[in-house]
Protein backbone atom coordinates (compact mmCIF):
# COMPACT_ATOMS: atom_id res chain seq x y z
CA MET A 1 -10.44 93.76 54.26
CA SER A 2 -9.84 91.85 57.49
CA GLY A 3 -9.23 94.10 60.45
CA ARG A 4 -9.49 91.95 63.57
CA PRO A 5 -6.46 92.55 65.83
CA ILE A 6 -3.66 90.04 65.31
CA GLY A 7 -3.41 89.56 69.06
CA ASP A 8 -7.05 88.44 69.25
CA HIS A 9 -6.10 85.03 67.86
CA ALA A 10 -5.25 81.80 69.68
CA LEU A 11 -3.11 79.04 68.17
CA LEU A 12 -4.11 75.43 67.60
CA SER A 13 -1.55 72.88 66.40
CA ASP A 14 -1.22 69.17 65.76
CA CYS A 15 2.56 69.52 65.23
CA ARG A 16 1.96 69.40 61.49
CA SER A 17 -0.33 72.32 60.77
CA ALA A 18 -1.94 75.28 62.50
CA ALA A 19 -5.21 77.11 63.01
CA LEU A 20 -5.97 80.51 64.53
CA VAL A 21 -9.19 81.08 66.48
CA THR A 22 -10.65 84.49 67.42
CA SER A 23 -12.02 85.34 70.83
CA ASP A 24 -15.60 85.07 69.53
CA GLY A 25 -15.17 81.49 68.35
CA SER A 26 -14.25 81.91 64.68
CA VAL A 27 -11.54 79.86 62.99
CA ASP A 28 -10.11 82.51 60.68
CA TRP A 29 -6.97 80.62 59.61
CA LEU A 30 -6.44 76.94 58.92
CA CYS A 31 -3.80 75.21 56.83
CA LEU A 32 -4.05 71.45 56.35
CA PRO A 33 -2.34 69.06 56.09
CA ARG A 34 0.88 71.13 56.58
CA PHE A 35 1.83 74.52 57.98
CA ASP A 36 2.68 75.68 54.45
CA SER A 37 -0.41 74.28 52.75
CA PRO A 38 -2.81 76.70 51.03
CA ALA A 39 -5.27 77.94 53.64
CA LEU A 40 -8.76 76.43 53.90
CA PHE A 41 -9.91 79.39 56.01
CA ALA A 42 -8.11 82.71 55.46
CA ARG A 43 -10.42 85.43 56.76
CA LEU A 44 -7.32 86.60 58.60
CA LEU A 45 -6.20 88.04 55.23
CA ASP A 46 -9.51 88.79 53.53
CA GLU A 47 -13.07 88.96 54.82
CA ASP A 48 -14.31 86.66 52.04
CA ALA A 49 -11.54 84.03 52.27
CA GLY A 50 -13.35 81.63 54.59
CA HIS A 51 -14.05 80.98 58.27
CA TRP A 52 -15.94 78.70 60.65
CA SER A 53 -17.62 80.24 63.67
CA ILE A 54 -19.48 78.75 66.63
CA ARG A 55 -20.83 81.30 69.11
CA PRO A 56 -23.90 82.54 70.98
CA THR A 57 -26.44 84.40 68.87
CA GLY A 58 -26.53 87.37 71.22
CA PRO A 59 -24.09 89.40 73.31
CA ALA A 60 -21.76 87.49 75.62
CA ASP A 61 -18.93 88.12 78.03
CA VAL A 62 -15.98 86.09 76.75
CA SER A 63 -12.97 84.62 78.48
CA ARG A 64 -10.61 81.97 77.24
CA ARG A 65 -7.65 79.86 78.26
CA TYR A 66 -5.69 76.84 77.23
CA VAL A 67 -6.50 73.68 79.17
CA LYS A 68 -3.62 73.45 81.66
CA GLU A 69 -0.30 72.44 80.05
CA THR A 70 -1.89 71.99 76.60
CA LEU A 71 -2.72 73.81 73.37
CA VAL A 72 -6.38 72.79 73.61
CA LEU A 73 -8.37 76.02 73.71
CA GLU A 74 -11.39 76.69 75.91
CA THR A 75 -13.54 79.75 75.23
CA THR A 76 -16.26 80.54 77.79
CA PHE A 77 -19.31 82.56 76.71
CA ARG A 78 -21.46 84.02 79.51
CA THR A 79 -24.82 85.29 78.30
CA THR A 80 -27.85 86.65 80.16
CA GLY A 81 -29.49 83.21 79.88
CA GLY A 82 -26.59 80.86 80.56
CA THR A 83 -23.01 79.82 79.95
CA ALA A 84 -21.43 77.79 77.15
CA VAL A 85 -17.87 76.51 76.82
CA LEU A 86 -16.30 75.94 73.40
CA ARG A 87 -13.33 73.56 73.27
CA ASP A 88 -11.13 73.60 70.13
CA ALA A 89 -8.16 71.49 69.08
CA LEU A 90 -6.29 70.15 66.12
CA ALA A 91 -6.38 66.45 66.87
CA LEU A 92 -3.20 64.61 67.74
CA GLY A 93 -2.84 60.98 66.75
CA ARG A 94 -4.54 58.43 68.97
CA ARG A 95 -2.59 57.90 72.20
CA GLU A 96 0.37 59.97 71.02
CA ARG A 97 2.48 60.89 73.99
CA GLY A 98 5.69 62.76 74.76
CA HIS A 99 8.09 63.23 71.87
CA ALA A 100 5.75 61.32 69.56
CA LEU A 101 3.35 64.27 69.29
CA GLY A 102 2.36 64.78 65.67
CA THR A 103 3.66 61.44 64.42
CA ALA A 104 0.22 60.35 63.18
CA SER A 105 -1.95 63.45 63.42
CA PRO A 106 -5.06 62.82 61.31
CA GLY A 107 -5.36 66.37 59.94
CA MET A 108 -8.59 67.12 61.74
CA LEU A 109 -10.08 70.13 63.50
CA LEU A 110 -12.26 69.23 66.49
CA ARG A 111 -14.78 71.60 68.07
CA GLN A 112 -17.11 70.87 70.98
CA ILE A 113 -19.53 73.30 72.61
CA THR A 114 -21.17 72.51 75.96
CA CYS A 115 -23.87 74.41 77.83
CA THR A 116 -22.77 74.40 81.46
CA GLU A 117 -25.70 76.32 82.94
CA GLY A 118 -29.00 77.85 81.87
CA GLN A 119 -29.66 77.92 78.16
CA VAL A 120 -27.67 79.48 75.33
CA PRO A 121 -28.82 80.00 71.71
CA VAL A 122 -25.89 79.14 69.45
CA GLU A 123 -25.24 79.92 65.78
CA ILE A 124 -22.84 78.14 63.43
CA THR A 125 -21.47 79.59 60.19
CA TYR A 126 -19.32 77.34 58.04
CA ALA A 127 -17.68 78.91 54.98
CA PRO A 128 -14.77 76.81 53.67
CA ARG A 129 -12.67 78.54 51.01
CA PRO A 130 -9.76 76.29 49.97
CA GLU A 131 -6.63 77.60 48.24
CA PHE A 132 -6.60 80.95 50.06
CA GLY A 133 -10.20 81.68 49.07
CA LEU A 134 -9.87 80.90 45.36
CA VAL A 135 -12.20 77.88 45.66
CA HIS A 136 -15.85 78.40 46.62
CA PRO A 137 -16.74 74.73 47.00
CA LEU A 138 -19.91 72.86 46.25
CA LEU A 139 -21.50 71.94 49.58
CA ALA A 140 -23.52 68.74 49.65
CA THR A 141 -25.40 67.11 52.51
CA VAL A 142 -24.19 63.60 53.29
CA ARG A 143 -25.15 61.20 56.04
CA GLY A 144 -24.10 62.79 59.35
CA GLY A 145 -22.38 65.73 57.80
CA LEU A 146 -21.61 68.13 55.01
CA ALA A 147 -19.13 67.53 52.18
CA ALA A 148 -17.29 70.30 50.33
CA TYR A 149 -16.07 69.58 46.78
CA GLY A 150 -13.76 71.76 44.75
CA GLY A 151 -10.04 71.97 44.19
CA ALA A 152 -7.53 69.34 45.23
CA HIS A 153 -9.26 68.30 48.46
CA VAL A 154 -12.61 67.16 49.74
CA LEU A 155 -13.69 68.43 53.16
CA LEU A 156 -16.12 66.55 55.38
CA LEU A 157 -17.72 68.34 58.29
CA SER A 158 -19.14 65.91 60.84
CA THR A 159 -22.03 67.77 62.43
CA PRO A 160 -24.75 66.62 64.89
CA ILE A 161 -27.25 69.21 63.58
CA ASP A 162 -28.55 69.99 60.15
CA LEU A 163 -27.01 73.04 58.47
CA ARG A 164 -28.75 75.13 55.82
CA VAL A 165 -26.69 75.50 52.67
CA SER A 166 -26.66 78.74 50.73
CA GLY A 167 -24.14 78.71 47.94
CA SER A 168 -20.77 77.80 49.47
CA THR A 169 -21.76 78.70 53.02
CA ALA A 170 -23.76 76.76 55.61
CA HIS A 171 -25.63 78.11 58.64
CA GLY A 172 -27.25 76.57 61.67
CA GLN A 173 -28.90 77.59 64.96
CA ILE A 174 -29.79 75.64 68.07
CA THR A 175 -30.59 76.44 71.68
CA LEU A 176 -28.52 74.43 74.13
CA GLN A 177 -29.86 73.53 77.57
CA ALA A 178 -27.68 72.83 80.60
CA SER A 179 -25.49 69.73 80.01
CA ASP A 180 -26.18 69.69 76.24
CA ARG A 181 -23.06 69.09 74.17
CA LEU A 182 -22.41 69.30 70.42
CA GLY A 183 -19.29 67.88 68.78
CA PHE A 184 -17.99 68.81 65.31
CA ALA A 185 -15.06 67.49 63.31
CA LEU A 186 -13.59 68.80 60.06
CA HIS A 187 -11.69 66.21 58.02
CA VAL A 188 -9.62 66.90 54.91
CA GLY A 189 -8.60 64.37 52.28
CA PRO A 190 -7.41 64.33 48.66
CA ALA A 191 -10.17 64.77 46.11
CA TRP A 192 -9.15 61.60 44.31
CA GLY A 193 -9.02 59.37 47.40
CA THR A 194 -11.53 57.75 49.69
CA GLU A 195 -13.73 60.34 51.32
CA PRO A 196 -13.15 60.85 55.06
CA MET A 197 -15.46 59.01 57.43
CA ARG A 198 -17.93 60.84 59.65
CA TRP A 199 -17.07 60.96 63.36
CA ARG A 200 -19.79 60.62 65.98
CA ALA A 201 -19.97 62.75 69.13
CA GLY A 202 -18.45 60.12 71.41
CA ARG A 203 -15.40 59.69 69.21
CA ILE A 204 -14.90 63.45 68.99
CA ARG A 205 -15.10 63.77 72.77
CA ARG A 206 -12.61 60.92 73.32
CA ARG A 207 -10.12 62.31 70.82
CA LEU A 208 -10.34 65.77 72.38
CA ASN A 209 -9.58 64.26 75.78
CA ASP A 210 -6.78 62.18 74.29
CA THR A 211 -5.30 65.30 72.69
CA VAL A 212 -5.32 66.98 76.11
CA GLU A 213 -3.41 64.04 77.56
CA GLY A 214 -0.96 64.08 74.66
CA TRP A 215 0.00 67.72 75.25
CA ARG A 216 0.21 67.18 79.01
CA SER A 217 2.56 64.24 78.52
CA TRP A 218 4.88 66.45 76.47
CA SER A 219 4.71 69.23 79.04
CA ARG A 220 5.63 66.83 81.85
CA LEU A 221 8.86 65.99 80.02
CA HIS A 222 9.78 69.67 79.68
CA ARG A 223 9.63 71.09 83.18
CA GLY A 224 13.37 71.65 83.46
CA TYR A 225 13.03 75.37 84.12
CA VAL A 226 12.30 76.42 87.69
CA GLY A 227 12.32 80.10 88.46
CA PRO A 228 10.59 83.41 87.80
CA TRP A 229 7.98 83.44 85.03
CA GLN A 230 7.82 79.66 85.13
CA ASP A 231 4.35 79.51 83.59
CA GLU A 232 5.34 81.88 80.76
CA VAL A 233 8.44 79.80 80.03
CA GLY A 234 6.37 76.62 79.97
CA GLN A 235 3.81 78.15 77.63
CA SER A 236 6.54 79.41 75.32
CA GLY A 237 8.03 75.93 75.18
CA ARG A 238 4.67 74.51 74.09
CA VAL A 239 4.35 77.17 71.41
CA LEU A 240 7.78 76.24 70.03
CA ARG A 241 6.78 72.57 69.99
CA ALA A 242 3.51 73.50 68.30
CA LEU A 243 5.48 75.20 65.51
CA THR A 244 7.49 72.01 64.85
CA PHE A 245 6.61 69.83 61.85
CA ALA A 246 6.77 66.40 63.44
CA PRO A 247 7.48 64.26 60.34
CA THR A 248 10.83 66.00 59.67
CA GLY A 249 11.67 67.97 62.81
CA ALA A 250 11.58 71.28 60.89
CA ILE A 251 10.53 74.32 62.93
CA VAL A 252 8.52 77.11 61.30
CA ALA A 253 9.16 80.75 62.20
CA ALA A 254 5.42 81.46 62.58
CA ALA A 255 2.06 79.97 61.68
CA THR A 256 1.01 82.61 59.14
CA THR A 257 1.91 84.51 56.01
CA SER A 258 1.74 88.20 55.15
CA LEU A 259 0.80 89.71 58.49
CA PRO A 260 2.63 93.03 58.15
CA GLU A 261 5.34 94.87 60.03
CA ARG A 262 3.17 97.98 59.61
CA ALA A 263 -0.58 98.15 58.98
CA GLY A 264 -1.09 99.02 55.33
CA GLY A 265 2.57 98.36 54.53
CA THR A 266 4.26 96.11 52.00
CA ARG A 267 6.79 94.28 54.20
CA ASN A 268 4.57 91.22 54.40
CA TRP A 269 6.40 87.91 54.30
CA ASP A 270 5.55 84.21 54.45
CA TYR A 271 6.98 82.74 57.68
CA ARG A 272 5.68 79.17 57.32
CA TYR A 273 9.16 77.77 56.64
CA THR A 274 12.16 76.75 58.69
CA TRP A 275 14.96 79.28 59.05
CA VAL A 276 18.25 77.74 60.14
CA ARG A 277 18.68 80.66 62.53
CA ASP A 278 15.26 80.48 64.16
CA ALA A 279 15.27 76.71 64.43
CA SER A 280 18.74 76.65 65.97
CA PHE A 281 17.65 79.22 68.56
CA THR A 282 14.57 77.09 69.23
CA LEU A 283 16.70 74.06 70.02
CA GLN A 284 18.74 76.14 72.44
CA ALA A 285 15.59 77.36 74.17
CA LEU A 286 14.30 73.79 74.47
CA ALA A 287 17.68 72.36 75.49
CA THR A 288 16.76 70.17 78.46
CA ALA A 289 17.67 66.57 79.23
CA ALA A 290 14.35 65.43 77.78
CA CYS A 291 14.84 66.88 74.29
CA GLU A 292 17.23 64.45 72.61
CA LYS A 293 14.71 63.47 69.97
CA GLU A 294 13.93 67.06 68.98
CA LYS A 295 17.59 67.97 68.49
CA ASP A 296 18.55 64.75 66.73
CA LYS A 297 15.64 65.04 64.34
CA PHE A 298 16.34 68.68 63.52
CA PHE A 299 20.03 68.20 62.79
CA GLY A 300 19.20 65.16 60.74
CA PHE A 301 16.63 67.19 58.81
CA LEU A 302 19.12 69.93 58.03
CA ALA A 303 21.83 67.48 57.04
CA ARG A 304 19.48 65.87 54.53
CA ALA A 305 17.90 69.12 53.29
CA ALA A 306 21.30 70.72 52.66
CA ALA A 307 22.93 67.55 51.33
CA THR A 308 26.06 68.36 49.28
CA GLN A 309 25.38 72.13 49.22
CA LEU A 310 28.32 73.03 51.45
CA HIS A 311 30.50 70.28 50.01
CA ARG A 312 29.99 71.83 46.56
CA GLY A 313 30.99 75.25 47.86
CA VAL A 314 27.44 76.62 47.78
CA ASP A 315 26.22 78.78 50.68
CA LEU A 316 24.12 77.07 53.29
CA GLN A 317 20.59 78.07 52.40
CA ILE A 318 19.18 80.22 55.20
CA MET A 319 15.77 78.55 55.06
CA TYR A 320 14.04 75.43 53.76
CA GLY A 321 10.57 74.11 53.28
CA ILE A 322 9.38 71.99 56.19
CA GLY A 323 9.72 68.89 54.03
CA GLY A 324 13.27 69.85 53.00
CA GLU A 325 12.29 71.81 49.88
CA ARG A 326 14.84 74.36 48.64
CA ASP A 327 12.94 76.41 46.06
CA LEU A 328 10.61 78.67 48.05
CA SER A 329 10.03 81.24 45.33
CA GLU A 330 7.49 83.92 46.14
CA ARG A 331 4.21 84.42 44.35
CA ILE A 332 1.66 87.12 44.91
CA LEU A 333 -1.97 86.31 45.80
CA PRO A 334 -3.66 89.37 44.23
CA HIS A 335 -7.20 88.27 45.05
CA LEU A 336 -6.61 88.78 48.80
CA ALA A 337 -7.06 92.27 50.27
CA GLY A 338 -4.59 91.63 53.09
CA TRP A 339 -4.84 92.31 56.80
CA ARG A 340 -6.00 95.96 57.04
CA ASP A 341 -5.20 96.41 53.35
CA SER A 342 -1.57 95.33 53.79
CA THR A 343 -0.58 94.06 50.37
CA PRO A 344 0.83 92.22 48.63
CA VAL A 345 -0.15 88.92 50.21
CA ARG A 346 2.61 86.42 49.51
CA SER A 347 3.04 82.67 49.40
CA GLY A 348 6.69 81.62 49.42
CA ASN A 349 9.68 83.69 50.48
CA ASP A 350 12.45 84.87 48.18
CA ALA A 351 14.80 85.34 51.13
CA TRP A 352 15.84 81.73 50.48
CA ARG A 353 18.15 83.14 47.82
CA GLN A 354 20.01 85.42 50.25
CA ARG A 355 23.46 85.03 51.75
CA GLN A 356 23.34 85.33 55.54
CA LEU A 357 26.64 84.30 57.08
CA ASP A 358 25.41 84.28 60.67
CA VAL A 359 23.61 80.97 60.16
CA TYR A 360 26.86 79.02 60.56
CA GLY A 361 27.35 80.39 64.04
CA GLU A 362 23.79 79.75 65.15
CA LEU A 363 23.94 76.22 63.78
CA LEU A 364 27.20 75.28 65.48
CA ASP A 365 26.19 77.04 68.71
CA ALA A 366 22.99 74.99 68.81
CA ALA A 367 24.99 71.81 68.20
CA TYR A 368 27.46 72.76 70.93
CA GLN A 369 24.67 73.38 73.44
CA THR A 370 22.58 70.33 72.64
CA PHE A 371 25.07 67.53 71.93
CA PRO A 372 26.94 66.23 75.00
CA PRO A 373 30.77 66.39 74.80
CA ASN A 374 32.31 63.63 72.69
CA GLU A 375 28.91 62.32 71.61
CA ARG A 376 29.15 60.09 68.60
CA LEU A 377 27.33 61.80 65.74
CA ASP A 378 25.86 60.02 62.78
CA PRO A 379 28.08 60.53 59.69
CA PRO A 380 25.73 62.90 57.79
CA THR A 381 25.30 65.21 60.79
CA ARG A 382 29.03 65.21 61.60
CA ALA A 383 29.94 65.97 57.99
CA PHE A 384 27.32 68.71 57.82
CA LEU A 385 28.57 70.49 60.94
CA LEU A 386 32.19 70.15 59.84
CA GLN A 387 31.37 71.66 56.45
CA ALA A 388 29.52 74.52 58.17
CA ALA A 389 32.65 75.35 60.17
CA GLU A 390 34.81 75.22 57.06
CA THR A 391 32.42 77.47 55.15
CA ALA A 392 32.48 80.05 57.96
CA THR A 393 36.27 79.92 57.78
CA ARG A 394 36.24 80.72 54.06
CA ARG A 395 33.37 83.21 53.92
CA TRP A 396 33.46 85.31 57.06
CA ALA A 397 35.21 88.26 55.39
CA GLU A 398 32.55 88.55 52.66
CA PRO A 399 29.49 90.86 52.79
CA ASP A 400 25.96 89.52 53.17
CA GLN A 401 22.34 90.58 53.79
CA GLY A 402 22.51 90.11 57.55
CA ILE A 403 20.12 88.88 60.22
CA TRP A 404 17.34 91.33 59.24
CA GLU A 405 17.34 90.10 55.62
CA THR A 406 17.78 93.47 53.96
CA ARG A 407 16.79 93.28 50.31
CA GLY A 408 19.33 95.89 49.24
CA SER A 409 23.05 95.55 48.61
CA ARG A 410 25.24 93.32 50.75
CA ARG A 411 27.22 94.84 53.62
CA HIS A 412 29.75 93.81 56.25
CA PHE A 413 27.24 93.39 59.09
CA LEU A 414 28.77 93.10 62.55
CA HIS A 415 26.32 90.41 63.67
CA SER A 416 27.29 88.21 60.71
CA LYS A 417 30.99 88.49 61.57
CA LEU A 418 30.25 87.85 65.23
CA MET A 419 28.36 84.67 64.46
CA CYS A 420 31.14 83.42 62.18
CA TRP A 421 33.40 83.86 65.20
CA VAL A 422 30.90 81.79 67.18
CA ALA A 423 30.96 79.10 64.49
CA LEU A 424 34.71 78.67 64.79
CA ASP A 425 34.73 79.01 68.56
CA ARG A 426 32.18 76.21 68.93
CA ALA A 427 33.83 74.08 66.25
CA ILE A 428 37.10 74.26 68.19
CA ALA A 429 35.29 73.15 71.34
CA MET A 430 33.65 70.27 69.41
CA ALA A 431 36.76 69.27 67.44
CA SER A 432 36.92 65.77 68.91
CA THR A 433 33.23 65.18 68.28
CA LEU A 434 33.68 66.41 64.70
CA GLN A 435 36.81 64.24 64.33
CA ALA A 436 38.64 67.35 63.18
CA ASP A 437 41.45 67.97 65.70
CA GLU A 438 43.87 68.71 62.86
CA ARG A 439 41.72 71.72 61.81
CA VAL A 440 41.92 73.43 65.20
CA PRO A 441 45.07 75.54 64.54
CA HIS A 442 43.57 76.97 61.35
CA TRP A 443 40.21 77.59 63.01
CA ARG A 444 41.94 79.42 65.87
CA HIS A 445 43.85 81.59 63.42
CA GLU A 446 40.67 82.62 61.59
CA ARG A 447 38.76 83.11 64.82
CA ASP A 448 41.46 85.55 65.97
CA ARG A 449 41.26 87.41 62.66
CA ILE A 450 37.50 87.82 63.09
CA ARG A 451 37.95 89.12 66.63
CA GLN A 452 40.48 91.68 65.44
CA ALA A 453 38.20 92.86 62.62
CA VAL A 454 35.16 93.18 64.88
CA GLU A 455 37.03 95.08 67.57
CA GLN A 456 38.74 97.42 65.12
CA ARG A 457 35.95 98.10 62.59
CA GLY A 458 32.80 97.28 64.56
CA TRP A 459 33.51 99.62 67.48
CA ASN A 460 32.57 103.29 67.06
CA PRO A 461 34.35 105.38 69.73
CA ARG A 462 32.27 108.46 68.94
CA LEU A 463 29.04 106.60 69.67
CA GLY A 464 30.62 104.53 72.42
CA ALA A 465 29.06 101.39 70.95
CA PHE A 466 29.47 98.52 68.56
CA THR A 467 27.44 99.35 65.46
CA GLN A 468 25.31 97.67 62.83
CA ALA A 469 28.07 97.20 60.28
CA PHE A 470 31.78 97.80 59.93
CA ASP A 471 32.70 101.51 59.84
CA SER A 472 29.05 102.43 60.50
CA ASP A 473 27.37 105.13 62.58
CA ASP A 474 24.14 103.15 63.03
CA LEU A 475 23.11 101.28 66.16
CA ASP A 476 21.57 97.81 65.85
CA ALA A 477 20.00 95.68 68.56
CA SER A 478 21.82 92.59 67.26
CA ALA A 479 24.99 93.97 68.91
CA LEU A 480 23.41 92.81 72.19
CA MET A 481 24.55 89.34 71.17
CA LEU A 482 28.20 90.23 71.92
CA PRO A 483 27.98 89.27 75.61
CA ILE A 484 25.25 86.69 75.07
CA VAL A 485 27.44 84.49 72.84
CA GLY A 486 30.58 85.11 74.88
CA PHE A 487 32.57 87.19 72.39
CA LEU A 488 33.40 89.73 75.12
CA PRO A 489 32.92 89.44 78.88
CA PRO A 490 29.86 91.27 80.22
CA GLN A 491 32.12 93.47 82.37
CA ASP A 492 33.99 94.84 79.32
CA PRO A 493 33.39 98.63 79.27
CA ARG A 494 32.59 98.46 75.54
CA VAL A 495 29.84 95.93 76.20
CA GLN A 496 28.41 98.02 79.04
CA SER A 497 28.51 101.12 76.84
CA THR A 498 26.86 99.33 73.90
CA VAL A 499 24.02 98.02 76.07
CA LEU A 500 23.47 101.51 77.44
CA ALA A 501 23.48 103.10 73.97
CA ILE A 502 20.91 100.61 72.63
CA ALA A 503 18.71 101.01 75.71
CA THR A 504 18.86 104.78 75.32
CA HIS A 505 18.49 105.29 71.58
CA LEU A 506 16.48 102.29 70.32
CA THR A 507 13.77 102.24 73.00
CA ASP A 508 10.32 103.37 71.85
CA ARG A 509 7.64 105.18 73.85
CA ASN A 510 6.33 101.84 75.18
CA GLY A 511 9.71 100.74 76.53
CA LEU A 512 10.33 98.22 73.73
CA ILE A 513 13.38 97.96 71.49
CA ARG A 514 13.51 98.63 67.76
CA ARG A 515 15.86 96.57 65.59
CA TYR A 516 17.61 99.65 64.25
CA LEU A 517 16.86 103.11 62.84
CA GLY A 518 17.43 103.94 59.21
CA ASP A 519 15.92 105.14 55.97
CA GLU A 520 14.56 101.69 55.15
CA ILE A 521 12.28 101.36 58.15
CA GLU A 522 12.33 104.51 60.28
CA GLY A 523 8.76 105.23 61.29
CA GLY A 524 7.68 102.24 59.26
CA GLU A 525 7.71 99.33 61.66
CA GLY A 526 7.16 98.60 65.31
CA ALA A 527 9.43 97.45 68.09
CA PHE A 528 10.80 93.91 68.00
CA LEU A 529 9.91 91.77 71.00
CA LEU A 530 12.93 89.52 70.41
CA CYS A 531 15.24 92.55 70.63
CA THR A 532 13.55 93.65 73.86
CA PHE A 533 14.15 90.22 75.38
CA TRP A 534 17.76 90.42 74.14
CA LEU A 535 18.13 93.67 76.06
CA ALA A 536 16.73 92.06 79.20
CA GLN A 537 19.14 89.15 78.77
CA ALA A 538 22.13 91.43 78.16
CA LEU A 539 21.24 93.56 81.19
CA ALA A 540 21.09 90.46 83.35
CA LEU A 541 24.46 89.27 82.06
CA THR A 542 26.05 92.67 82.69
CA GLY A 543 24.82 92.70 86.30
CA HIS A 544 21.82 95.02 86.02
CA THR A 545 19.13 92.61 87.14
CA THR A 546 16.64 95.19 88.41
CA ARG A 547 16.61 96.93 85.06
CA ALA A 548 16.54 93.52 83.32
CA ARG A 549 13.38 92.60 85.20
CA GLN A 550 11.74 95.88 84.22
CA VAL A 551 12.52 95.36 80.53
CA PHE A 552 11.37 91.73 80.68
CA GLN A 553 8.08 92.68 82.32
CA THR A 554 7.49 95.36 79.68
CA ALA A 555 7.98 92.81 76.90
CA VAL A 556 5.97 89.96 78.42
CA ALA A 557 3.07 92.34 79.09
CA HIS A 558 2.54 92.39 75.31
CA ALA A 559 1.53 88.72 75.24
CA ASN A 560 -2.15 88.23 74.48
CA ASP A 561 -4.70 86.72 76.85
CA VAL A 562 -3.50 83.15 76.16
CA GLY A 563 0.21 83.94 76.37
CA LEU A 564 1.07 84.29 72.68
CA LEU A 565 3.61 86.81 71.37
CA ALA A 566 3.70 88.54 68.01
CA GLU A 567 6.86 89.51 66.16
CA GLU A 568 6.49 93.26 66.74
CA THR A 569 4.29 95.83 68.43
CA ASP A 570 3.14 99.18 67.10
CA SER A 571 5.24 101.86 68.78
CA THR A 572 2.23 104.17 69.08
CA THR A 573 -0.63 101.85 70.04
CA GLY A 574 1.18 98.79 71.39
CA GLU A 575 -0.87 96.58 69.07
CA ALA A 576 0.59 93.28 67.83
CA LEU A 577 2.16 93.26 64.35
CA GLY A 578 3.78 90.66 62.12
CA ASN A 579 3.27 86.96 61.64
CA PHE A 580 1.74 85.21 64.61
CA PRO A 581 2.61 83.64 66.94
CA GLN A 582 6.31 84.32 66.43
CA ALA A 583 8.84 81.66 67.46
CA PHE A 584 11.63 84.23 67.81
CA SER A 585 9.71 86.17 70.47
CA HIS A 586 9.01 83.06 72.55
CA ILE A 587 12.67 82.01 72.23
CA GLY A 588 13.69 85.41 73.54
CA LEU A 589 11.33 85.08 76.51
CA ILE A 590 12.77 81.71 77.54
CA ASN A 591 16.39 82.78 77.27
CA ALA A 592 15.88 86.11 79.03
CA ALA A 593 13.98 84.48 81.91
CA ARG A 594 16.81 82.01 82.41
CA ALA A 595 19.45 84.75 82.30
CA ILE A 596 17.62 86.86 84.89
CA ARG A 597 17.09 83.85 87.16
CA ASP A 598 20.78 82.93 86.99
CA ALA A 599 21.94 86.52 87.50
CA GLU A 600 19.79 86.92 90.60
CA ARG A 601 21.65 84.03 92.20
CA GLU A 602 24.85 86.09 91.93
CA PRO A 603 25.95 89.06 94.12
CA ALA A 604 23.90 92.26 94.01
CA PRO A 605 24.13 94.07 90.65
CA ARG A 606 25.66 97.44 90.01
CA ARG A 607 23.39 100.36 89.32
CA PHE A 608 22.41 100.85 85.67
CA GLU A 609 22.66 104.49 84.66
CA ARG A 610 20.42 105.93 81.93
């Protein structure tokens, strides 16, 4: 069993794949060459599924940070005899800058440890376990490194010191003196191809520095937000970019699979795919003047991935593989014990088969916010968006599984209806761009029908709130989207009452918001950080900025030491839960910060009564 806290991990990314590094210098998760590749190190999910650690041999005080405006990690170890700094990165392509990040990433993990004062004994443990720990490779010493054979790939570890091999694990120790530096590089290549070449220390150092400059160049292009929590917004933007698969523009929901919604539970899903909903929200969060390439690439990706689906009358798939794959069928990995015995561990996600009608609204809202008025769209993208609007027109009255992907029977979820309203509202606004002016009268008619249905069947006068589904008595945090998407004005008494009801009844003991309460999850999952940021955003929109700040601060306080947010937090302990880091949570942070900043430029808010 692996039990290290989820929040103890830091993210590395080359905009193609991801690694997670613990605070004591162990890479416990690494997927190469893609986010959704089988893990080479997976100690995150099982103690015997592989890791690579570099750390002092004795006790040390540890601190860590990302190099400013980058996702290059620095971990500082202070021992009684000296100090060592470990720098980790997934290498970007040589001289990649700005929007080109990830275009030619070599699929390589770089690690460099430097003694900055005194002397520090260091130990290295290298235990590669490809295919989620199924492969215990043959380790063989080669000139300047160590090769690992077994399975579909060959791994070459470039190492400046000799490592002792014992079975499929290698160990090494060395005492570093002040100014000593060791550089390591892990290369991965197909077993049938030319073996990777060893990298010398100078090349490793130069590529690390080049990777720093690559991330900084991207960050310089994305400084559009000025206001409170500016550093947190900037970090969240980098995390969202880090979760983008550069070759296609697809955006993964998180870097991991099967980290649970409750320790020891079974709601453990694979998030290493692109959800239309999450990716659309990501584009909105990154919507600055410098992001044309991100948006164009993403819409082009979706148009190709979904080619002919909507035209044939098939639902838009809610998620795709990062290369455009449609079949994401789940399989169980029974040999893995799971994080804190949370099984099953899954690869793939059967939610791809679900109907979730809200995706049309999120898609068209993202297009509306990112494409300038009357912009000329390429024919596939224009046709795709037009078909999305038409599908929302036809399907909005049907039941679905909703935003929370319930695996039970379909229902008439309010959020799904609301987002179909958004789809038609944004399509009407973009009619000229979509070359569909003749469809506007019909779209308006259906939009009005949705509004009538939501107001009549979604409002519960006894609760004084809009509810989870039509004719329901259950509250749901997704109703906070009503003012956020502009369905009702923030001053509407029903909106004010709904925000109050959610803040009152869905808040846990830590001040965070649950998605909803019900038999399926009551007592069985933590609070959702995205929903907490939604509440902060809705409070800001409804004029309650002081309360909005309080809620925002409560949520952002659950980021880890390097600014990363999980999906959920345990309502008792406050510990991070769910796949990590979670794009949704960082999206929520960005949007809530902007809403609070904008609201504070308006007249003084009214008092929020609880």
